[in-house]
Amino acid sequence: MATGNSTHPYLSYTDGIATSSADILLLIGRILLGWLFFKAGIDKLMSMAGFVGYLTNLKVPNPGFWAWPGAIAEVVIGAALILGLATRYAALFAFVYLIITIALAHRYWEYPAGQQLNAQFAHFLKNLALMGGSLAVFVTGAGRFSLDAILAKRR
């Protein structure tokens, strides 16, 4: 069970820093995580033909249809995380979306052995890291500097 403190006294210096700046660090973390989704989604919307072509190469059924919900999902996830709106839902949605993305688009293991350490492997690892970040946001919530906190005060 997490207590918020390090288990060893020599490591406790950072506990105070983390505790005293938790809300601003959560804001920065949400913005960084959300920006990746938001920017990727906007790029897909601005170049829909390219995204449809990519999905076509992946043999996704009806890529012209699935490109739209995929791109919109990324924009929505990103905006929600950046703004801290429905943050825990956005984090869970991001986690599930990333599972789908890994299974669909970043199957580096399907490449020949000499090509497996290519961009797809980097994207695979990036998505695993984003999944970890999504889980961390799900556990911590949005923090004080968020629309979630503002809306909670209005109740």
C-alpha atoms as a PDB file:
ATOM      1  CA  MET A   1       0.000   0.000   0.000  1.00  0.00           C
ATOM      2  CA  ALA A   2       1.385   3.377  -0.992  1.00  0.00           C
ATOM      3  CA  THR A   3       1.931   5.749   1.887  1.00  0.00           C
ATOM      4  CA  GLY A   4       3.401   8.672   0.011  1.00  0.00           C
ATOM      5  CA  ASN A   5       6.705   8.316   1.822  1.00  0.00           C
ATOM      6  CA  SER A   6       9.873   6.533   0.839  1.00  0.00           C
ATOM      7  CA  THR A   7      10.666   3.356   2.680  1.00  0.00           C
ATOM      8  CA  HIS A   8      14.188   4.465   3.534  1.00  0.00           C
ATOM      9  CA  PRO A   9      15.134   7.667   5.417  1.00  0.00           C
ATOM     10  CA  TYR A  10      17.949   8.455   2.954  1.00  0.00           C
ATOM     11  CA  LEU A  11      15.392   8.631   0.190  1.00  0.00           C
ATOM     12  CA  SER A  12      12.907  10.823   2.054  1.00  0.00           C
ATOM     13  CA  TYR A  13      14.176  14.213   0.844  1.00  0.00           C
ATOM     14  CA  THR A  14      12.158  13.933  -2.339  1.00  0.00           C
ATOM     15  CA  ASP A  15       9.003  13.052  -0.400  1.00  0.00           C
ATOM     16  CA  GLY A  16       8.664  16.642   0.792  1.00  0.00           C
ATOM     17  CA  ILE A  17       9.218  18.012  -2.697  1.00  0.00           C
ATOM     18  CA  ALA A  18       6.659  15.630  -4.188  1.00  0.00           C
ATOM     19  CA  THR A  19       4.107  16.363  -1.483  1.00  0.00           C
ATOM     20  CA  SER A  20       4.483  20.148  -1.546  1.00  0.00           C
ATOM     21  CA  SER A  21       4.326  20.402  -5.336  1.00  0.00           C
ATOM     22  CA  ALA A  22       1.948  17.528  -6.110  1.00  0.00           C
ATOM     23  CA  ASP A  23      -0.768  19.632  -7.739  1.00  0.00           C
ATOM     24  CA  ILE A  24       1.555  21.505 -10.090  1.00  0.00           C
ATOM     25  CA  LEU A  25       3.387  18.276 -10.966  1.00  0.00           C
ATOM     26  CA  LEU A  26       0.068  16.562 -11.696  1.00  0.00           C
ATOM     27  CA  LEU A  27      -0.851  19.482 -13.960  1.00  0.00           C
ATOM     28  CA  ILE A  28       2.467  19.265 -15.824  1.00  0.00           C
ATOM     29  CA  GLY A  29       2.175  15.490 -16.113  1.00  0.00           C
ATOM     30  CA  ARG A  30      -1.390  15.692 -17.424  1.00  0.00           C
ATOM     31  CA  ILE A  31      -0.418  18.331 -19.977  1.00  0.00           C
ATOM     32  CA  LEU A  32       2.538  16.299 -21.212  1.00  0.00           C
ATOM     33  CA  LEU A  33       0.531  13.088 -21.439  1.00  0.00           C
ATOM     34  CA  GLY A  34      -2.504  14.801 -22.920  1.00  0.00           C
ATOM     35  CA  TRP A  35      -0.505  16.792 -25.456  1.00  0.00           C
ATOM     36  CA  LEU A  36       0.784  13.606 -27.066  1.00  0.00           C
ATOM     37  CA  PHE A  37      -2.764  12.345 -27.622  1.00  0.00           C
ATOM     38  CA  PHE A  38      -4.150  15.734 -28.633  1.00  0.00           C
ATOM     39  CA  LYS A  39      -1.418  16.496 -31.161  1.00  0.00           C
ATOM     40  CA  ALA A  40      -1.536  12.993 -32.659  1.00  0.00           C
ATOM     41  CA  GLY A  41      -5.311  13.217 -33.052  1.00  0.00           C
ATOM     42  CA  ILE A  42      -5.189  16.671 -34.636  1.00  0.00           C
ATOM     43  CA  ASP A  43      -2.472  15.494 -37.034  1.00  0.00           C
ATOM     44  CA  LYS A  44      -4.650  12.539 -38.052  1.00  0.00           C
ATOM     45  CA  LEU A  45      -7.674  14.795 -38.593  1.00  0.00           C
ATOM     46  CA  MET A  46      -5.585  17.191 -40.693  1.00  0.00           C
ATOM     47  CA  SER A  47      -4.272  14.323 -42.822  1.00  0.00           C
ATOM     48  CA  MET A  48      -7.161  11.894 -42.801  1.00  0.00           C
ATOM     49  CA  ALA A  49      -6.205  10.381 -46.166  1.00  0.00           C
ATOM     50  CA  GLY A  50      -2.791   9.459 -44.791  1.00  0.00           C
ATOM     51  CA  PHE A  51      -4.314   7.911 -41.676  1.00  0.00           C
ATOM     52  CA  VAL A  52      -6.820   5.951 -43.745  1.00  0.00           C
ATOM     53  CA  GLY A  53      -3.937   4.745 -45.910  1.00  0.00           C
ATOM     54  CA  TYR A  54      -2.032   3.645 -42.812  1.00  0.00           C
ATOM     55  CA  LEU A  55      -5.045   1.717 -41.516  1.00  0.00           C
ATOM     56  CA  THR A  56      -5.527   0.225 -44.984  1.00  0.00           C
ATOM     57  CA  ASN A  57      -1.924  -1.049 -44.918  1.00  0.00           C
ATOM     58  CA  LEU A  58      -2.655  -2.618 -41.537  1.00  0.00           C
ATOM     59  CA  LYS A  59      -5.631  -4.399 -43.141  1.00  0.00           C
ATOM     60  CA  VAL A  60      -8.121  -2.767 -40.778  1.00  0.00           C
ATOM     61  CA  PRO A  61     -11.647  -3.514 -42.029  1.00  0.00           C
ATOM     62  CA  ASN A  62     -13.416  -0.386 -43.290  1.00  0.00           C
ATOM     63  CA  PRO A  63     -10.466   1.954 -42.574  1.00  0.00           C
ATOM     64  CA  GLY A  64     -12.333   4.986 -43.921  1.00  0.00           C
ATOM     65  CA  PHE A  65     -14.818   4.582 -41.101  1.00  0.00           C
ATOM     66  CA  TRP A  66     -12.463   3.591 -38.255  1.00  0.00           C
ATOM     67  CA  ALA A  67     -10.026   6.418 -38.919  1.00  0.00           C
ATOM     68  CA  TRP A  68     -12.550   8.993 -37.704  1.00  0.00           C
ATOM     69  CA  PRO A  69     -13.318   7.504 -34.269  1.00  0.00           C
ATOM     70  CA  GLY A  70      -9.604   6.790 -33.783  1.00  0.00           C
ATOM     71  CA  ALA A  71      -8.549  10.358 -34.487  1.00  0.00           C
ATOM     72  CA  ILE A  72     -11.426  11.870 -32.510  1.00  0.00           C
ATOM     73  CA  ALA A  73     -10.676   9.569 -29.556  1.00  0.00           C
ATOM     74  CA  GLU A  74      -7.118  10.878 -29.414  1.00  0.00           C
ATOM     75  CA  VAL A  75      -8.291  14.509 -29.467  1.00  0.00           C
ATOM     76  CA  VAL A  76     -10.880  13.859 -26.739  1.00  0.00           C
ATOM     77  CA  ILE A  77      -8.431  11.939 -24.528  1.00  0.00           C
ATOM     78  CA  GLY A  78      -5.834  14.657 -24.951  1.00  0.00           C
ATOM     79  CA  ALA A  79      -8.187  17.555 -24.273  1.00  0.00           C
ATOM     80  CA  ALA A  80      -9.685  15.847 -21.221  1.00  0.00           C
ATOM     81  CA  LEU A  81      -6.258  15.132 -19.729  1.00  0.00           C
ATOM     82  CA  ILE A  82      -4.924  18.622 -20.438  1.00  0.00           C
ATOM     83  CA  LEU A  83      -7.986  20.293 -18.938  1.00  0.00           C
ATOM     84  CA  GLY A  84      -8.368  17.795 -16.110  1.00  0.00           C
ATOM     85  CA  LEU A  85     -11.972  17.084 -17.075  1.00  0.00           C
ATOM     86  CA  ALA A  86     -13.366  13.622 -16.319  1.00  0.00           C
ATOM     87  CA  THR A  87      -9.723  12.822 -15.770  1.00  0.00           C
ATOM     88  CA  ARG A  88     -10.028   9.329 -14.378  1.00  0.00           C
ATOM     89  CA  TYR A  89     -12.413   8.321 -17.176  1.00  0.00           C
ATOM     90  CA  ALA A  90     -10.032   9.811 -19.747  1.00  0.00           C
ATOM     91  CA  ALA A  91      -7.120   7.925 -18.185  1.00  0.00           C
ATOM     92  CA  LEU A  92      -8.998   4.612 -18.341  1.00  0.00           C
ATOM     93  CA  PHE A  93     -10.117   5.342 -21.892  1.00  0.00           C
ATOM     94  CA  ALA A  94      -6.503   6.105 -22.815  1.00  0.00           C
ATOM     95  CA  PHE A  95      -5.353   2.821 -21.264  1.00  0.00           C
ATOM     96  CA  VAL A  96      -7.871   0.791 -23.287  1.00  0.00           C
ATOM     97  CA  TYR A  97      -7.205   2.823 -26.442  1.00  0.00           C
ATOM     98  CA  LEU A  98      -3.486   2.093 -26.095  1.00  0.00           C
ATOM     99  CA  ILE A  99      -4.121  -1.642 -25.787  1.00  0.00           C
ATOM    100  CA  ILE A 100      -6.040  -1.471 -29.070  1.00  0.00           C
ATOM    101  CA  THR A 101      -3.335   0.656 -30.666  1.00  0.00           C
ATOM    102  CA  ILE A 102      -0.588  -1.753 -29.661  1.00  0.00           C
ATOM    103  CA  ALA A 103      -2.539  -4.769 -30.896  1.00  0.00           C
ATOM    104  CA  LEU A 104      -3.536  -3.090 -34.150  1.00  0.00           C
ATOM    105  CA  ALA A 105      -0.743  -0.793 -35.224  1.00  0.00           C
ATOM    106  CA  HIS A 106       2.520  -1.539 -33.428  1.00  0.00           C
ATOM    107  CA  ARG A 107       2.961  -5.287 -33.848  1.00  0.00           C
ATOM    108  CA  TYR A 108       6.725  -5.072 -34.204  1.00  0.00           C
ATOM    109  CA  TRP A 109       6.984  -8.854 -33.671  1.00  0.00           C
ATOM    110  CA  GLU A 110       5.409  -9.419 -37.098  1.00  0.00           C
ATOM    111  CA  TYR A 111       8.391  -7.822 -38.845  1.00  0.00           C
ATOM    112  CA  PRO A 112      11.391  -9.881 -39.982  1.00  0.00           C
ATOM    113  CA  ALA A 113      13.969 -10.374 -37.204  1.00  0.00           C
ATOM    114  CA  GLY A 114      16.342  -7.810 -38.715  1.00  0.00           C
ATOM    115  CA  GLN A 115      13.624  -5.147 -38.736  1.00  0.00           C
ATOM    116  CA  GLN A 116      12.052  -5.682 -35.327  1.00  0.00           C
ATOM    117  CA  LEU A 117      14.055  -2.912 -33.664  1.00  0.00           C
ATOM    118  CA  ASN A 118      12.486  -0.278 -35.878  1.00  0.00           C
ATOM    119  CA  ALA A 119      10.062   2.542 -35.242  1.00  0.00           C
ATOM    120  CA  GLN A 120       7.243   0.094 -34.486  1.00  0.00           C
ATOM    121  CA  PHE A 121       9.188  -1.259 -31.512  1.00  0.00           C
ATOM    122  CA  ALA A 122       9.769   2.296 -30.279  1.00  0.00           C
ATOM    123  CA  HIS A 123       6.041   3.031 -30.632  1.00  0.00           C
ATOM    124  CA  PHE A 124       5.228  -0.216 -28.829  1.00  0.00           C
ATOM    125  CA  LEU A 125       7.448   0.773 -25.887  1.00  0.00           C
ATOM    126  CA  LYS A 126       6.137   4.354 -25.940  1.00  0.00           C
ATOM    127  CA  ASN A 127       2.584   3.048 -25.705  1.00  0.00           C
ATOM    128  CA  LEU A 128       3.501   0.803 -22.778  1.00  0.00           C
ATOM    129  CA  ALA A 129       4.938   3.859 -21.014  1.00  0.00           C
ATOM    130  CA  LEU A 130       1.807   5.859 -21.823  1.00  0.00           C
ATOM    131  CA  MET A 131      -0.273   3.034 -20.364  1.00  0.00           C
ATOM    132  CA  GLY A 132       1.743   3.371 -17.161  1.00  0.00           C
ATOM    133  CA  GLY A 133       1.203   7.125 -17.157  1.00  0.00           C
ATOM    134  CA  SER A 134      -2.506   6.621 -17.739  1.00  0.00           C
ATOM    135  CA  LEU A 135      -2.723   4.291 -14.754  1.00  0.00           C
ATOM    136  CA  ALA A 136      -0.827   6.802 -12.602  1.00  0.00           C
ATOM    137  CA  VAL A 137      -3.282   9.558 -13.582  1.00  0.00           C
ATOM    138  CA  PHE A 138      -6.183   7.217 -12.908  1.00  0.00           C
ATOM    139  CA  VAL A 139      -4.868   6.587  -9.372  1.00  0.00           C
ATOM    140  CA  THR A 140      -3.895  10.173  -8.536  1.00  0.00           C
ATOM    141  CA  GLY A 141      -6.708  12.003 -10.252  1.00  0.00           C
ATOM    142  CA  ALA A 142      -6.386  15.422 -11.804  1.00  0.00           C
ATOM    143  CA  GLY A 143      -5.196  17.439  -8.817  1.00  0.00           C
ATOM    144  CA  ARG A 144      -6.204  20.898  -7.698  1.00  0.00           C
ATOM    145  CA  PHE A 145      -5.426  22.657 -10.998  1.00  0.00           C
ATOM    146  CA  SER A 146      -8.142  21.012 -13.057  1.00  0.00           C
ATOM    147  CA  LEU A 147     -11.706  21.416 -14.187  1.00  0.00           C
ATOM    148  CA  ASP A 148     -12.551  18.352 -12.095  1.00  0.00           C
ATOM    149  CA  ALA A 149     -11.496  20.255  -8.952  1.00  0.00           C
ATOM    150  CA  ILE A 150     -13.405  23.371  -9.978  1.00  0.00           C
ATOM    151  CA  LEU A 151     -16.560  21.375 -10.710  1.00  0.00           C
ATOM    152  CA  ALA A 152     -16.237  19.472  -7.412  1.00  0.00           C
ATOM    153  CA  LYS A 153     -16.242  22.789  -5.503  1.00  0.00           C
ATOM    154  CA  ARG A 154     -19.522  23.819  -7.141  1.00  0.00           C
ATOM    155  CA  ARG A 155     -21.420  20.859  -5.722  1.00  0.00           C
END
